PDB file of all heavy atoms in Angstrom:
ATOM      1  N   ASP A   1      41.239 -13.550 -72.619  1.00  0.00           N
ATOM      2  CA  ASP A   1      40.867 -13.188 -73.984  1.00  0.00           C
ATOM      3  C   ASP A   1      39.931 -11.996 -73.897  1.00  0.00           C
ATOM      4  O   ASP A   1      38.818 -12.118 -73.414  1.00  0.00           O
ATOM      5  CB  ASP A   1      40.169 -14.367 -74.678  1.00  0.00           C
ATOM      6  CG  ASP A   1      39.793 -14.057 -76.118  1.00  0.00           C
ATOM      7  OD1 ASP A   1      39.878 -12.874 -76.530  1.00  0.00           O
ATOM      8  OD2 ASP A   1      39.397 -15.002 -76.815  1.00  0.00           O
ATOM      9  N   PRO A   2      40.363 -10.790 -74.348  1.00  0.00           N
ATOM     10  CA  PRO A   2      39.530  -9.598 -74.208  1.00  0.00           C
ATOM     11  C   PRO A   2      38.225  -9.659 -74.975  1.00  0.00           C
ATOM     12  O   PRO A   2      37.350  -8.841 -74.768  1.00  0.00           O
ATOM     13  CB  PRO A   2      40.421  -8.462 -74.707  1.00  0.00           C
ATOM     14  CG  PRO A   2      41.487  -9.098 -75.488  1.00  0.00           C
ATOM     15  CD  PRO A   2      41.620 -10.504 -74.996  1.00  0.00           C
ATOM     16  N   THR A   3      38.041 -10.623 -75.882  1.00  0.00           N
ATOM     17  CA  THR A   3      36.785 -10.722 -76.620  1.00  0.00           C
ATOM     18  C   THR A   3      35.734 -11.484 -75.825  1.00  0.00           C
ATOM     19  O   THR A   3      34.573 -11.493 -76.183  1.00  0.00           O
ATOM     20  CB  THR A   3      37.006 -11.417 -77.976  1.00  0.00           C
ATOM     21  OG1 THR A   3      37.482 -12.736 -77.747  1.00  0.00           O
ATOM     22  CG2 THR A   3      37.976 -10.614 -78.837  1.00  0.00           C
ATOM     23  N   GLU A   4      36.142 -12.170 -74.769  1.00  0.00           N
ATOM     24  CA  GLU A   4      35.197 -12.908 -73.939  1.00  0.00           C
ATOM     25  C   GLU A   4      34.933 -12.123 -72.653  1.00  0.00           C
ATOM     26  O   GLU A   4      35.741 -11.330 -72.210  1.00  0.00           O
ATOM     27  CB  GLU A   4      35.783 -14.270 -73.543  1.00  0.00           C
ATOM     28  CG  GLU A   4      36.066 -15.188 -74.689  1.00  0.00           C
ATOM     29  CD  GLU A   4      36.706 -16.478 -74.207  1.00  0.00           C
ATOM     30  OE1 GLU A   4      36.724 -16.728 -72.987  1.00  0.00           O
ATOM     31  OE2 GLU A   4      37.188 -17.224 -75.046  1.00  0.00           O
ATOM     32  N   THR A   5      33.791 -12.362 -72.046  1.00  0.00           N
ATOM     33  CA  THR A   5      33.498 -11.792 -70.740  1.00  0.00           C
ATOM     34  C   THR A   5      34.063 -12.753 -69.711  1.00  0.00           C
ATOM     35  O   THR A   5      33.640 -13.907 -69.651  1.00  0.00           O
ATOM     36  CB  THR A   5      31.980 -11.637 -70.527  1.00  0.00           C
ATOM     37  OG1 THR A   5      31.467 -10.826 -71.574  1.00  0.00           O
ATOM     38  CG2 THR A   5      31.678 -11.025 -69.177  1.00  0.00           C
ATOM     39  N   PRO A   6      35.047 -12.302 -68.913  1.00  0.00           N
ATOM     40  CA  PRO A   6      35.637 -13.224 -67.959  1.00  0.00           C
ATOM     41  C   PRO A   6      34.629 -13.582 -66.857  1.00  0.00           C
ATOM     42  O   PRO A   6      33.818 -12.763 -66.445  1.00  0.00           O
ATOM     43  CB  PRO A   6      36.820 -12.456 -67.386  1.00  0.00           C
ATOM     44  CG  PRO A   6      36.591 -11.026 -67.733  1.00  0.00           C
ATOM     45  CD  PRO A   6      35.656 -11.000 -68.882  1.00  0.00           C
ATOM     46  N   VAL A   7      34.671 -14.811 -66.414  1.00  0.00           N
ATOM     47  CA  VAL A   7      33.828 -15.292 -65.317  1.00  0.00           C
ATOM     48  C   VAL A   7      34.751 -15.594 -64.149  1.00  0.00           C
ATOM     49  O   VAL A   7      35.652 -16.423 -64.277  1.00  0.00           O
ATOM     50  CB  VAL A   7      33.054 -16.568 -65.728  1.00  0.00           C
ATOM     51  CG1 VAL A   7      32.214 -17.082 -64.577  1.00  0.00           C
ATOM     52  CG2 VAL A   7      32.202 -16.288 -66.954  1.00  0.00           C
ATOM     53  N   PRO A   8      34.552 -14.934 -63.021  1.00  0.00           N
ATOM     54  CA  PRO A   8      35.444 -15.206 -61.903  1.00  0.00           C
ATOM     55  C   PRO A   8      35.262 -16.634 -61.403  1.00  0.00           C
ATOM     56  O   PRO A   8      34.161 -17.167 -61.399  1.00  0.00           O
ATOM     57  CB  PRO A   8      35.033 -14.191 -60.837  1.00  0.00           C
ATOM     58  CG  PRO A   8      33.788 -13.534 -61.322  1.00  0.00           C
ATOM     59  CD  PRO A   8      33.560 -13.946 -62.736  1.00  0.00           C
ATOM     60  N   SER A   9      36.353 -17.239 -61.007  1.00  0.00           N
ATOM     61  CA  SER A   9      36.286 -18.607 -60.510  1.00  0.00           C
ATOM     62  C   SER A   9      36.070 -18.656 -58.999  1.00  0.00           C
ATOM     63  O   SER A   9      35.851 -19.726 -58.469  1.00  0.00           O
ATOM     64  CB  SER A   9      37.570 -19.355 -60.887  1.00  0.00           C
ATOM     65  OG  SER A   9      38.683 -18.681 -60.320  1.00  0.00           O
ATOM     66  N   VAL A  10      36.129 -17.503 -58.339  1.00  0.00           N
ATOM     67  CA  VAL A  10      35.868 -17.453 -56.899  1.00  0.00           C
ATOM     68  C   VAL A  10      34.930 -16.280 -56.625  1.00  0.00           C
ATOM     69  O   VAL A  10      34.902 -15.308 -57.356  1.00  0.00           O
ATOM     70  CB  VAL A  10      37.165 -17.272 -56.074  1.00  0.00           C
ATOM     71  CG1 VAL A  10      38.064 -18.471 -56.189  1.00  0.00           C
ATOM     72  CG2 VAL A  10      37.892 -16.010 -56.450  1.00  0.00           C
ATOM     73  N   THR A  11      34.167 -16.410 -55.565  1.00  0.00           N
ATOM     74  CA  THR A  11      33.287 -15.317 -55.158  1.00  0.00           C
ATOM     75  C   THR A  11      34.105 -14.311 -54.375  1.00  0.00           C
ATOM     76  O   THR A  11      34.809 -14.682 -53.434  1.00  0.00           O
ATOM     77  CB  THR A  11      32.151 -15.865 -54.267  1.00  0.00           C
ATOM     78  OG1 THR A  11      31.475 -16.890 -54.991  1.00  0.00           O
ATOM     79  CG2 THR A  11      31.185 -14.767 -53.861  1.00  0.00           C
ATOM     80  N   PRO A  12      34.031 -13.019 -54.736  1.00  0.00           N
ATOM     81  CA  PRO A  12      34.818 -12.044 -53.998  1.00  0.00           C
ATOM     82  C   PRO A  12      34.324 -11.932 -52.556  1.00  0.00           C
ATOM     83  O   PRO A  12      33.134 -12.075 -52.297  1.00  0.00           O
ATOM     84  CB  PRO A  12      34.598 -10.733 -54.752  1.00  0.00           C
ATOM     85  CG  PRO A  12      33.600 -11.004 -55.811  1.00  0.00           C
ATOM     86  CD  PRO A  12      33.266 -12.446 -55.810  1.00  0.00           C
ATOM     87  N   PRO A  13      35.231 -11.697 -51.643  1.00  0.00           N
ATOM     88  CA  PRO A  13      34.817 -11.571 -50.247  1.00  0.00           C
ATOM     89  C   PRO A  13      34.051 -10.273 -50.009  1.00  0.00           C
ATOM     90  O   PRO A  13      34.204  -9.311 -50.754  1.00  0.00           O
ATOM     91  CB  PRO A  13      36.150 -11.550 -49.484  1.00  0.00           C
ATOM     92  CG  PRO A  13      37.128 -11.037 -50.485  1.00  0.00           C
ATOM     93  CD  PRO A  13      36.659 -11.517 -51.822  1.00  0.00           C
ATOM     94  N   THR A  14      33.195 -10.293 -49.008  1.00  0.00           N
ATOM     95  CA  THR A  14      32.484  -9.081 -48.610  1.00  0.00           C
ATOM     96  C   THR A  14      33.481  -8.155 -47.944  1.00  0.00           C
ATOM     97  O   THR A  14      34.244  -8.567 -47.084  1.00  0.00           O
ATOM     98  CB  THR A  14      31.361  -9.437 -47.615  1.00  0.00           C
ATOM     99  OG1 THR A  14      30.514 -10.388 -48.253  1.00  0.00           O
ATOM    100  CG2 THR A  14      30.566  -8.213 -47.227  1.00  0.00           C
ATOM    101  N   LEU A  15      33.475  -6.890 -48.332  1.00  0.00           N
ATOM    102  CA  LEU A  15      34.449  -5.945 -47.824  1.00  0.00           C
ATOM    103  C   LEU A  15      33.911  -5.099 -46.672  1.00  0.00           C
ATOM    104  O   LEU A  15      34.426  -4.044 -46.380  1.00  0.00           O
ATOM    105  CB  LEU A  15      34.943  -5.041 -48.950  1.00  0.00           C
ATOM    106  CG  LEU A  15      35.644  -5.765 -50.092  1.00  0.00           C
ATOM    107  CD1 LEU A  15      36.058  -4.783 -51.165  1.00  0.00           C
ATOM    108  CD2 LEU A  15      36.857  -6.516 -49.565  1.00  0.00           C
ATOM    109  N   THR A  16      32.856  -5.571 -46.023  1.00  0.00           N
ATOM    110  CA  THR A  16      32.336  -4.850 -44.871  1.00  0.00           C
ATOM    111  C   THR A  16      33.270  -5.069 -43.693  1.00  0.00           C
ATOM    112  O   THR A  16      33.511  -6.204 -43.299  1.00  0.00           O
ATOM    113  CB  THR A  16      30.927  -5.363 -44.500  1.00  0.00           C
ATOM    114  OG1 THR A  16      30.106  -5.259 -45.648  1.00  0.00           O
ATOM    115  CG2 THR A  16      30.348  -4.578 -43.337  1.00  0.00           C
ATOM    116  N   PRO A  17      33.830  -3.992 -43.113  1.00  0.00           N
ATOM    117  CA  PRO A  17      34.747  -4.187 -41.992  1.00  0.00           C
ATOM    118  C   PRO A  17      34.000  -4.701 -40.774  1.00  0.00           C
ATOM    119  O   PRO A  17      32.871  -4.317 -40.510  1.00  0.00           O
ATOM    120  CB  PRO A  17      35.314  -2.788 -41.732  1.00  0.00           C
ATOM    121  CG  PRO A  17      34.387  -1.849 -42.403  1.00  0.00           C
ATOM    122  CD  PRO A  17      33.658  -2.607 -43.456  1.00  0.00           C
ATOM    123  N   THR A  18      34.623  -5.602 -40.073  1.00  0.00           N
ATOM    124  CA  THR A  18      34.050  -6.109 -38.838  1.00  0.00           C
ATOM    125  C   THR A  18      34.968  -5.717 -37.696  1.00  0.00           C
ATOM    126  O   THR A  18      36.192  -5.816 -37.808  1.00  0.00           O
ATOM    127  CB  THR A  18      33.912  -7.646 -38.875  1.00  0.00           C
ATOM    128  OG1 THR A  18      35.172  -8.204 -39.190  1.00  0.00           O
ATOM    129  CG2 THR A  18      32.893  -8.082 -39.900  1.00  0.00           C
ATOM    130  N   PRO A  19      34.392  -5.228 -36.584  1.00  0.00           N
ATOM    131  CA  PRO A  19      35.238  -4.825 -35.465  1.00  0.00           C
ATOM    132  C   PRO A  19      35.970  -6.023 -34.875  1.00  0.00           C
ATOM    133  O   PRO A  19      35.396  -7.093 -34.717  1.00  0.00           O
ATOM    134  CB  PRO A  19      34.251  -4.257 -34.446  1.00  0.00           C
ATOM    135  CG  PRO A  19      32.963  -4.088 -35.175  1.00  0.00           C
ATOM    136  CD  PRO A  19      32.995  -5.000 -36.351  1.00  0.00           C
ATOM    137  N   THR A  20      37.219  -5.822 -34.595  1.00  0.00           N
ATOM    138  CA  THR A  20      38.012  -6.839 -33.922  1.00  0.00           C
ATOM    139  C   THR A  20      38.850  -6.139 -32.872  1.00  0.00           C
ATOM    140  O   THR A  20      38.920  -4.919 -32.823  1.00  0.00           O
ATOM    141  CB  THR A  20      38.952  -7.563 -34.908  1.00  0.00           C
ATOM    142  OG1 THR A  20      39.896  -6.621 -35.391  1.00  0.00           O
ATOM    143  CG2 THR A  20      38.200  -8.197 -36.053  1.00  0.00           C
ATOM    144  N   ALA A  21      39.498  -6.932 -32.058  1.00  0.00           N
ATOM    145  CA  ALA A  21      40.357  -6.358 -31.020  1.00  0.00           C
ATOM    146  C   ALA A  21      41.469  -5.523 -31.641  1.00  0.00           C
ATOM    147  O   ALA A  21      41.975  -4.611 -31.022  1.00  0.00           O
ATOM    148  CB  ALA A  21      40.935  -7.466 -30.149  1.00  0.00           C
ATOM    149  N   SER A  22      41.833  -5.840 -32.884  1.00  0.00           N
ATOM    150  CA  SER A  22      42.930  -5.107 -33.502  1.00  0.00           C
ATOM    151  C   SER A  22      42.448  -3.926 -34.352  1.00  0.00           C
ATOM    152  O   SER A  22      43.256  -3.239 -34.933  1.00  0.00           O
ATOM    153  CB  SER A  22      43.766  -6.057 -34.359  1.00  0.00           C
ATOM    154  OG  SER A  22      42.967  -6.571 -35.403  1.00  0.00           O
ATOM    155  N   THR A  23      41.113  -3.721 -34.453  1.00  0.00           N
ATOM    156  CA  THR A  23      40.614  -2.589 -35.214  1.00  0.00           C
ATOM    157  C   THR A  23      40.979  -1.304 -34.481  1.00  0.00           C
ATOM    158  O   THR A  23      40.583  -1.111 -33.337  1.00  0.00           O
ATOM    159  CB  THR A  23      39.085  -2.674 -35.385  1.00  0.00           C
ATOM    160  OG1 THR A  23      38.767  -3.871 -36.070  1.00  0.00           O
ATOM    161  CG2 THR A  23      38.561  -1.481 -36.172  1.00  0.00           C
ATOM    162  N   PRO A  24      41.747  -0.428 -35.101  1.00  0.00           N
ATOM    163  CA  PRO A  24      42.153   0.787 -34.392  1.00  0.00           C
ATOM    164  C   PRO A  24      40.984   1.744 -34.209  1.00  0.00           C
ATOM    165  O   PRO A  24      40.101   1.837 -35.046  1.00  0.00           O
ATOM    166  CB  PRO A  24      43.221   1.393 -35.290  1.00  0.00           C
ATOM    167  CG  PRO A  24      42.970   0.814 -36.638  1.00  0.00           C
ATOM    168  CD  PRO A  24      42.310  -0.517 -36.431  1.00  0.00           C
ATOM    169  N   VAL A  25      40.959   2.408 -33.084  1.00  0.00           N
ATOM    170  CA  VAL A  25      40.000   3.480 -32.822  1.00  0.00           C
ATOM    171  C   VAL A  25      40.798   4.758 -32.666  1.00  0.00           C
ATOM    172  O   VAL A  25      41.969   4.726 -32.303  1.00  0.00           O
ATOM    173  CB  VAL A  25      39.157   3.205 -31.553  1.00  0.00           C
ATOM    174  CG1 VAL A  25      38.265   1.993 -31.743  1.00  0.00           C
ATOM    175  CG2 VAL A  25      40.039   3.020 -30.341  1.00  0.00           C
ATOM    176  N   PRO A  26      40.182   5.887 -32.933  1.00  0.00           N
ATOM    177  CA  PRO A  26      40.934   7.127 -32.814  1.00  0.00           C
ATOM    178  C   PRO A  26      41.300   7.425 -31.366  1.00  0.00           C
ATOM    179  O   PRO A  26      40.617   7.003 -30.437  1.00  0.00           O
ATOM    180  CB  PRO A  26      39.991   8.191 -33.367  1.00  0.00           C
ATOM    181  CG  PRO A  26      38.694   7.547 -33.602  1.00  0.00           C
ATOM    182  CD  PRO A  26      38.841   6.081 -33.396  1.00  0.00           C
ATOM    183  N   LEU A  27      42.366   8.172 -31.195  1.00  0.00           N
ATOM    184  CA  LEU A  27      42.769   8.633 -29.876  1.00  0.00           C
ATOM    185  C   LEU A  27      41.638   9.457 -29.292  1.00  0.00           C
ATOM    186  O   LEU A  27      41.037  10.284 -29.968  1.00  0.00           O
ATOM    187  CB  LEU A  27      44.029   9.494 -29.986  1.00  0.00           C
ATOM    188  CG  LEU A  27      44.527  10.135 -28.688  1.00  0.00           C
ATOM    189  CD1 LEU A  27      44.955   9.073 -27.690  1.00  0.00           C
ATOM    190  CD2 LEU A  27      45.661  11.100 -28.981  1.00  0.00           C
ATOM    191  N   GLY A  28      41.333   9.226 -28.024  1.00  0.00           N
ATOM    192  CA  GLY A  28      40.309  10.022 -27.372  1.00  0.00           C
ATOM    193  C   GLY A  28      39.714   9.303 -26.177  1.00  0.00           C
ATOM    194  O   GLY A  28      40.265   8.328 -25.668  1.00  0.00           O
ATOM    195  N   VAL A  29      38.559   9.820 -25.740  1.00  0.00           N
ATOM    196  CA  VAL A  29      37.897   9.330 -24.540  1.00  0.00           C
ATOM    197  C   VAL A  29      36.406   9.212 -24.816  1.00  0.00           C
ATOM    198  O   VAL A  29      35.829  10.069 -25.497  1.00  0.00           O
ATOM    199  CB  VAL A  29      38.107  10.310 -23.357  1.00  0.00           C
ATOM    200  CG1 VAL A  29      37.612   9.726 -22.066  1.00  0.00           C
ATOM    201  CG2 VAL A  29      39.565  10.708 -23.222  1.00  0.00           C
ATOM    202  N   THR A  30      35.775   8.165 -24.279  1.00  0.00           N
ATOM    203  CA  THR A  30      34.320   8.038 -24.341  1.00  0.00           C
ATOM    204  C   THR A  30      33.778   7.859 -22.929  1.00  0.00           C
ATOM    205  O   THR A  30      34.473   7.381 -22.032  1.00  0.00           O
ATOM    206  CB  THR A  30      33.872   6.852 -25.213  1.00  0.00           C
ATOM    207  OG1 THR A  30      34.486   5.662 -24.745  1.00  0.00           O
ATOM    208  CG2 THR A  30      34.225   7.078 -26.669  1.00  0.00           C
ATOM    209  N   ILE A  31      32.507   8.255 -22.751  1.00  0.00           N
ATOM    210  CA  ILE A  31      31.824   8.186 -21.463  1.00  0.00           C
ATOM    211  C   ILE A  31      30.769   7.093 -21.523  1.00  0.00           C
ATOM    212  O   ILE A  31      30.094   6.933 -22.544  1.00  0.00           O
ATOM    213  CB  ILE A  31      31.128   9.521 -21.137  1.00  0.00           C
ATOM    214  CG1 ILE A  31      32.139  10.650 -21.025  1.00  0.00           C
ATOM    215  CG2 ILE A  31      30.288   9.415 -19.864  1.00  0.00           C
ATOM    216  CD1 ILE A  31      31.510  12.032 -20.873  1.00  0.00           C
ATOM    217  N   ALA A  32      30.591   6.386 -20.402  1.00  0.00           N
ATOM    218  CA  ALA A  32      29.492   5.433 -20.273  1.00  0.00           C
ATOM    219  C   ALA A  32      28.831   5.623 -18.913  1.00  0.00           C
ATOM    220  O   ALA A  32      29.522   5.803 -17.904  1.00  0.00           O
ATOM    221  CB  ALA A  32      29.997   4.000 -20.411  1.00  0.00           C
ATOM    222  N   MET A  33      27.514   5.629 -18.928  1.00  0.00           N
ATOM    223  CA  MET A  33      26.686   5.623 -17.723  1.00  0.00           C
ATOM    224  C   MET A  33      25.552   4.639 -18.008  1.00  0.00           C
ATOM    225  O   MET A  33      25.258   4.351 -19.173  1.00  0.00           O
ATOM    226  CB  MET A  33      26.127   7.017 -17.423  1.00  0.00           C
ATOM    227  CG  MET A  33      27.175   8.036 -17.004  1.00  0.00           C
ATOM    228  SD  MET A  33      26.451   9.664 -16.604  1.00  0.00           S
ATOM    229  CE  MET A  33      25.784   9.341 -14.962  1.00  0.00           C
ATOM    230  N   PRO A  34      24.889   4.125 -16.976  1.00  0.00           N
ATOM    231  CA  PRO A  34      23.839   3.140 -17.237  1.00  0.00           C
ATOM    232  C   PRO A  34      22.560   3.729 -17.836  1.00  0.00           C
ATOM    233  O   PRO A  34      21.716   2.985 -18.319  1.00  0.00           O
ATOM    234  CB  PRO A  34      23.566   2.521 -15.865  1.00  0.00           C
ATOM    235  CG  PRO A  34      24.049   3.515 -14.885  1.00  0.00           C
ATOM    236  CD  PRO A  34      25.174   4.259 -15.547  1.00  0.00           C
ATOM    237  N   SER A  35      22.400   5.054 -17.830  1.00  0.00           N
ATOM    238  CA  SER A  35      21.177   5.657 -18.357  1.00  0.00           C
ATOM    239  C   SER A  35      21.408   7.135 -18.636  1.00  0.00           C
ATOM    240  O   SER A  35      22.407   7.719 -18.206  1.00  0.00           O
ATOM    241  CB  SER A  35      20.043   5.498 -17.333  1.00  0.00           C
ATOM    242  OG  SER A  35      18.844   6.078 -17.804  1.00  0.00           O
ATOM    243  N   HIS A  36      20.436   7.715 -19.331  1.00  0.00           N
ATOM    244  CA  HIS A  36      20.411   9.165 -19.520  1.00  0.00           C
ATOM    245  C   HIS A  36      19.377   9.799 -18.586  1.00  0.00           C
ATOM    246  O   HIS A  36      19.328  11.012 -18.466  1.00  0.00           O
ATOM    247  CB  HIS A  36      20.088   9.527 -20.969  1.00  0.00           C
ATOM    248  CG  HIS A  36      21.214   9.236 -21.911  1.00  0.00           C
ATOM    249  ND1 HIS A  36      22.297  10.076 -22.075  1.00  0.00           N
ATOM    250  CD2 HIS A  36      21.438   8.182 -22.736  1.00  0.00           C
ATOM    251  CE1 HIS A  36      23.126   9.566 -22.961  1.00  0.00           C
ATOM    252  NE2 HIS A  36      22.633   8.417 -23.375  1.00  0.00           N
ATOM    253  N   ASP A  37      18.532   8.968 -17.962  1.00  0.00           N
ATOM    254  CA  ASP A  37      17.501   9.437 -17.035  1.00  0.00           C
ATOM    255  C   ASP A  37      17.511   8.562 -15.786  1.00  0.00           C
ATOM    256  O   ASP A  37      17.406   7.339 -15.889  1.00  0.00           O
ATOM    257  CB  ASP A  37      16.120   9.367 -17.692  1.00  0.00           C
ATOM    258  CG  ASP A  37      15.971  10.370 -18.809  1.00  0.00           C
ATOM    259  OD1 ASP A  37      15.930  11.578 -18.499  1.00  0.00           O
ATOM    260  OD2 ASP A  37      15.905   9.956 -19.983  1.00  0.00           O
ATOM    261  N   PHE A  38      17.629   9.198 -14.626  1.00  0.00           N
ATOM    262  CA  PHE A  38      17.691   8.473 -13.360  1.00  0.00           C
ATOM    263  C   PHE A  38      16.508   8.847 -12.473  1.00  0.00           C
ATOM    264  O   PHE A  38      16.069  10.001 -12.467  1.00  0.00           O
ATOM    265  CB  PHE A  38      19.006   8.788 -12.625  1.00  0.00           C
ATOM    266  CG  PHE A  38      20.218   8.311 -13.361  1.00  0.00           C
ATOM    267  CD1 PHE A  38      20.911   9.164 -14.214  1.00  0.00           C
ATOM    268  CD2 PHE A  38      20.661   7.008 -13.235  1.00  0.00           C
ATOM    269  CE1 PHE A  38      22.023   8.729 -14.906  1.00  0.00           C
ATOM    270  CE2 PHE A  38      21.771   6.559 -13.929  1.00  0.00           C
ATOM    271  CZ  PHE A  38      22.457   7.423 -14.768  1.00  0.00           C
ATOM    272  N   THR A  39      16.029   7.850 -11.734  1.00  0.00           N
ATOM    273  CA  THR A  39      15.000   8.074 -10.729  1.00  0.00           C
ATOM    274  C   THR A  39      15.399   7.324  -9.460  1.00  0.00           C
ATOM    275  O   THR A  39      16.334   6.502  -9.475  1.00  0.00           O
ATOM    276  CB  THR A  39      13.616   7.574 -11.199  1.00  0.00           C
ATOM    277  OG1 THR A  39      13.701   6.174 -11.491  1.00  0.00           O
ATOM    278  CG2 THR A  39      13.138   8.318 -12.436  1.00  0.00           C
ATOM    279  N   GLU A  40      14.699   7.594  -8.381  1.00  0.00           N
ATOM    280  CA  GLU A  40      14.998   6.965  -7.093  1.00  0.00           C
ATOM    281  C   GLU A  40      15.111   5.443  -7.251  1.00  0.00           C
ATOM    282  O   GLU A  40      14.279   4.811  -7.897  1.00  0.00           O
ATOM    283  CB  GLU A  40      13.881   7.296  -6.098  1.00  0.00           C
ATOM    284  CG  GLU A  40      14.076   6.668  -4.741  1.00  0.00           C
ATOM    285  CD  GLU A  40      12.953   7.018  -3.771  1.00  0.00           C
ATOM    286  OE1 GLU A  40      12.118   7.881  -4.085  1.00  0.00           O
ATOM    287  OE2 GLU A  40      12.930   6.408  -2.688  1.00  0.00           O
ATOM    288  N   GLY A  41      16.181   4.878  -6.693  1.00  0.00           N
ATOM    289  CA  GLY A  41      16.399   3.440  -6.726  1.00  0.00           C
ATOM    290  C   GLY A  41      17.214   2.947  -7.910  1.00  0.00           C
ATOM    291  O   GLY A  41      17.631   1.788  -7.940  1.00  0.00           O
TER     292      GLY A  41
END
C-alpha cells in the first residue's frame, strides 16, 4: 500500500565483501619478504 511506510520483515544482509578462496584477484605478481630492514642474524 503506497500510503503506508513499508516495514521490512527481514534484516538486510551486510554487503561488505569478505575474502574467500573464490574471491578473484587481478592477474599479476606480488612479492613477500620477512622484513623491509635486515641486520646480522
